[in-house]
């Protein structure tokens, strides 16, 4: 089964992607504004490792270990 997702950017153009749907997995959607709030860096812990999600001055996100 495939699901249609429409992505829009700041210029209001959009593109449509066809992605496979796995009904056994739950996808969690988070808004980046709620993650970053008053900070530029978010610490993620995964398998006893630290990862840093950083918001750049150009409003891009970068994940580093």
C-alpha atoms as a PDB file:
ATOM      1  CA  UNK A   1       0.000   0.000   0.000  1.00  0.00           C
ATOM      2  CA  UNK A   2       1.243   3.525  -0.740  1.00  0.00           C
ATOM      3  CA  UNK A   3       0.469   6.824   0.910  1.00  0.00           C
ATOM      4  CA  UNK A   4       0.607  10.223  -0.776  1.00  0.00           C
ATOM      5  CA  UNK A   5       2.463  12.998   1.027  1.00  0.00           C
ATOM      6  CA  UNK A   6       2.539  16.588  -0.196  1.00  0.00           C
ATOM      7  CA  UNK A   7       5.512  18.711   0.862  1.00  0.00           C
ATOM      8  CA  UNK A   8       5.356  22.504   0.717  1.00  0.00           C
ATOM      9  CA  UNK A   9       8.183  24.963   1.134  1.00  0.00           C
ATOM     10  CA  UNK A  10       8.232  28.689   1.892  1.00  0.00           C
ATOM     11  CA  UNK A  11       7.779  29.607  -1.784  1.00  0.00           C
ATOM     12  CA  UNK A  12       4.419  27.784  -1.773  1.00  0.00           C
ATOM     13  CA  UNK A  13       5.535  25.303  -4.402  1.00  0.00           C
ATOM     14  CA  UNK A  14       4.775  21.687  -3.603  1.00  0.00           C
ATOM     15  CA  UNK A  15       5.732  18.210  -4.658  1.00  0.00           C
ATOM     16  CA  UNK A  16       4.047  14.896  -4.023  1.00  0.00           C
ATOM     17  CA  UNK A  17       5.828  11.761  -2.856  1.00  0.00           C
ATOM     18  CA  UNK A  18       4.598   8.210  -2.889  1.00  0.00           C
ATOM     19  CA  UNK A  19       5.807   6.390   0.221  1.00  0.00           C
ATOM     20  CA  UNK A  20       5.213   2.838   1.421  1.00  0.00           C
ATOM     21  CA  UNK A  21       2.988   2.509   4.488  1.00  0.00           C
ATOM     22  CA  UNK A  22       3.834  -0.011   7.180  1.00  0.00           C
ATOM     23  CA  UNK A  23       0.756  -0.426   9.387  1.00  0.00           C
ATOM     24  CA  UNK A  24       2.850  -2.076  12.143  1.00  0.00           C
ATOM     25  CA  UNK A  25       4.883   1.087  12.819  1.00  0.00           C
ATOM     26  CA  UNK A  26       3.699   4.297  14.421  1.00  0.00           C
ATOM     27  CA  UNK A  27       5.099   7.555  13.080  1.00  0.00           C
ATOM     28  CA  UNK A  28       5.511  10.407  15.529  1.00  0.00           C
ATOM     29  CA  UNK A  29       5.324  13.893  14.054  1.00  0.00           C
ATOM     30  CA  UNK A  30       6.971  16.729  15.964  1.00  0.00           C
ATOM     31  CA  UNK A  31       6.993  20.402  15.133  1.00  0.00           C
ATOM     32  CA  UNK A  32      10.543  21.811  15.216  1.00  0.00           C
ATOM     33  CA  UNK A  33       9.288  24.966  16.960  1.00  0.00           C
ATOM     34  CA  UNK A  34       8.118  22.865  19.893  1.00  0.00           C
ATOM     35  CA  UNK A  35      11.490  21.072  20.019  1.00  0.00           C
ATOM     36  CA  UNK A  36      13.715  24.136  19.886  1.00  0.00           C
ATOM     37  CA  UNK A  37      11.537  26.671  21.789  1.00  0.00           C
ATOM     38  CA  UNK A  38      14.193  28.974  23.349  1.00  0.00           C
ATOM     39  CA  UNK A  39      17.319  27.076  22.306  1.00  0.00           C
ATOM     40  CA  UNK A  40      19.388  26.327  19.212  1.00  0.00           C
ATOM     41  CA  UNK A  41      20.403  22.756  20.188  1.00  0.00           C
ATOM     42  CA  UNK A  42      18.436  19.690  21.300  1.00  0.00           C
ATOM     43  CA  UNK A  43      20.099  16.657  22.883  1.00  0.00           C
ATOM     44  CA  UNK A  44      18.796  13.261  21.702  1.00  0.00           C
ATOM     45  CA  UNK A  45      19.787  10.060  23.491  1.00  0.00           C
ATOM     46  CA  UNK A  46      19.750   6.836  21.458  1.00  0.00           C
ATOM     47  CA  UNK A  47      21.319   3.512  22.503  1.00  0.00           C
ATOM     48  CA  UNK A  48      23.429   5.211  25.198  1.00  0.00           C
ATOM     49  CA  UNK A  49      24.797   7.672  22.618  1.00  0.00           C
ATOM     50  CA  UNK A  50      24.268  11.440  22.531  1.00  0.00           C
ATOM     51  CA  UNK A  51      23.161  13.138  19.325  1.00  0.00           C
ATOM     52  CA  UNK A  52      22.719  16.866  18.886  1.00  0.00           C
ATOM     53  CA  UNK A  53      20.029  18.379  16.697  1.00  0.00           C
ATOM     54  CA  UNK A  54      21.126  21.927  15.911  1.00  0.00           C
ATOM     55  CA  UNK A  55      19.214  24.778  14.319  1.00  0.00           C
ATOM     56  CA  UNK A  56      21.467  26.890  12.063  1.00  0.00           C
ATOM     57  CA  UNK A  57      21.289  30.625  11.450  1.00  0.00           C
ATOM     58  CA  UNK A  58      19.782  29.761   8.019  1.00  0.00           C
ATOM     59  CA  UNK A  59      16.947  27.883   9.764  1.00  0.00           C
ATOM     60  CA  UNK A  60      18.234  24.430   8.737  1.00  0.00           C
ATOM     61  CA  UNK A  61      18.595  21.446  11.087  1.00  0.00           C
ATOM     62  CA  UNK A  62      21.778  19.425  11.461  1.00  0.00           C
ATOM     63  CA  UNK A  63      22.107  16.149  13.389  1.00  0.00           C
ATOM     64  CA  UNK A  64      25.581  15.371  14.764  1.00  0.00           C
ATOM     65  CA  UNK A  65      27.008  12.806  17.138  1.00  0.00           C
END
